[in-house]
Amino acid sequence: MQRFSYNFTDLTTFESSPKEIWLNEQDLPNFGKRTAREMLAAVPDLEHKGLCVGIYDQAGEPISYVPLDTLH
């Protein structure tokens, strides 16, 4: 397992505080999709706001951005 972090971001002006997670690297895509789906289900008002789940390595470099909903 490796240490990663994630946050919610609009890739321009908004970033939530990062949260630390421990995952196997092959589990990152499913983690991003699940987290985006669960956040949108919990807070439906975030739909169409351009938010993503940002996933970062230990050095803080981005690995993946998963949109909360479809891109327009």
Protein backbone atom coordinates (compact mmCIF):
# COMPACT_ATOMS: atom_id res chain seq x y z
CA MET A 1 0.00 0.00 0.00
CA GLN A 2 1.08 3.53 -0.68
CA ARG A 3 0.15 6.89 0.77
CA PHE A 4 -1.84 9.20 -1.49
CA SER A 5 -3.97 12.25 -0.89
CA TYR A 6 -7.14 13.53 -2.48
CA ASN A 7 -9.23 16.66 -2.48
CA PHE A 8 -12.08 18.29 -4.32
CA THR A 9 -11.09 20.95 -6.82
CA ASP A 10 -12.41 22.97 -9.75
CA LEU A 11 -8.82 23.04 -11.15
CA THR A 12 -8.74 26.84 -11.03
CA THR A 13 -9.64 28.68 -7.82
CA PHE A 14 -11.12 26.13 -5.40
CA GLU A 15 -9.40 23.28 -3.56
CA SER A 16 -10.67 21.58 -0.44
CA SER A 17 -8.24 20.52 2.27
CA PRO A 18 -6.44 17.33 1.25
CA LYS A 19 -7.22 14.02 2.93
CA GLU A 20 -4.65 11.25 3.26
CA ILE A 21 -5.45 7.72 2.08
CA TRP A 22 -3.56 4.45 1.90
CA LEU A 23 -4.28 2.42 -1.23
CA ASN A 24 -2.74 0.04 -3.69
CA GLU A 25 -1.98 1.95 -6.88
CA GLN A 26 -4.26 -0.28 -8.97
CA ASP A 27 -7.20 0.73 -6.71
CA LEU A 28 -6.87 4.47 -7.48
CA PRO A 29 -9.27 4.58 -10.49
CA ASN A 30 -12.05 2.86 -8.54
CA PHE A 31 -11.39 5.05 -5.49
CA GLY A 32 -11.73 8.22 -7.57
CA LYS A 33 -14.94 7.08 -9.26
CA ARG A 34 -16.50 5.88 -6.00
CA THR A 35 -15.56 9.06 -4.12
CA ALA A 36 -17.00 11.27 -6.88
CA ARG A 37 -20.22 9.23 -6.99
CA GLU A 38 -20.63 9.26 -3.19
CA MET A 39 -19.97 13.02 -2.91
CA LEU A 40 -22.48 13.84 -5.63
CA ALA A 41 -25.07 11.55 -3.99
CA ALA A 42 -24.49 13.22 -0.60
CA VAL A 43 -24.50 16.79 -1.97
CA PRO A 44 -26.51 16.89 -5.21
CA ASP A 45 -26.14 20.69 -5.39
CA LEU A 46 -22.54 20.10 -6.54
CA GLU A 47 -23.79 18.85 -9.89
CA HIS A 48 -22.66 20.98 -12.87
CA LYS A 49 -20.19 22.98 -10.75
CA GLY A 50 -17.10 21.66 -12.55
CA LEU A 51 -15.68 19.89 -9.49
CA CYS A 52 -13.31 16.93 -9.61
CA VAL A 53 -11.71 14.53 -7.18
CA GLY A 54 -7.98 15.21 -7.42
CA ILE A 55 -5.67 12.34 -6.45
CA TYR A 56 -2.02 13.06 -5.68
CA ASP A 57 1.11 11.02 -4.94
CA GLN A 58 3.26 11.40 -1.82
CA ALA A 59 5.11 14.35 -3.36
CA GLY A 60 1.82 16.15 -4.08
CA GLU A 61 2.02 15.58 -7.83
CA PRO A 62 -1.34 14.95 -9.51
CA ILE A 63 -2.07 11.41 -10.61
CA SER A 64 -5.71 11.66 -11.62
CA TYR A 65 -8.68 14.00 -11.76
CA VAL A 66 -12.14 12.41 -11.74
CA PRO A 67 -15.10 14.71 -12.48
CA LEU A 68 -18.06 14.57 -10.09
CA ASP A 69 -20.44 14.54 -13.04
CA THR A 70 -20.38 14.65 -16.82
CA LEU A 71 -18.36 17.30 -18.57
CA HIS A 72 -20.13 19.91 -20.72
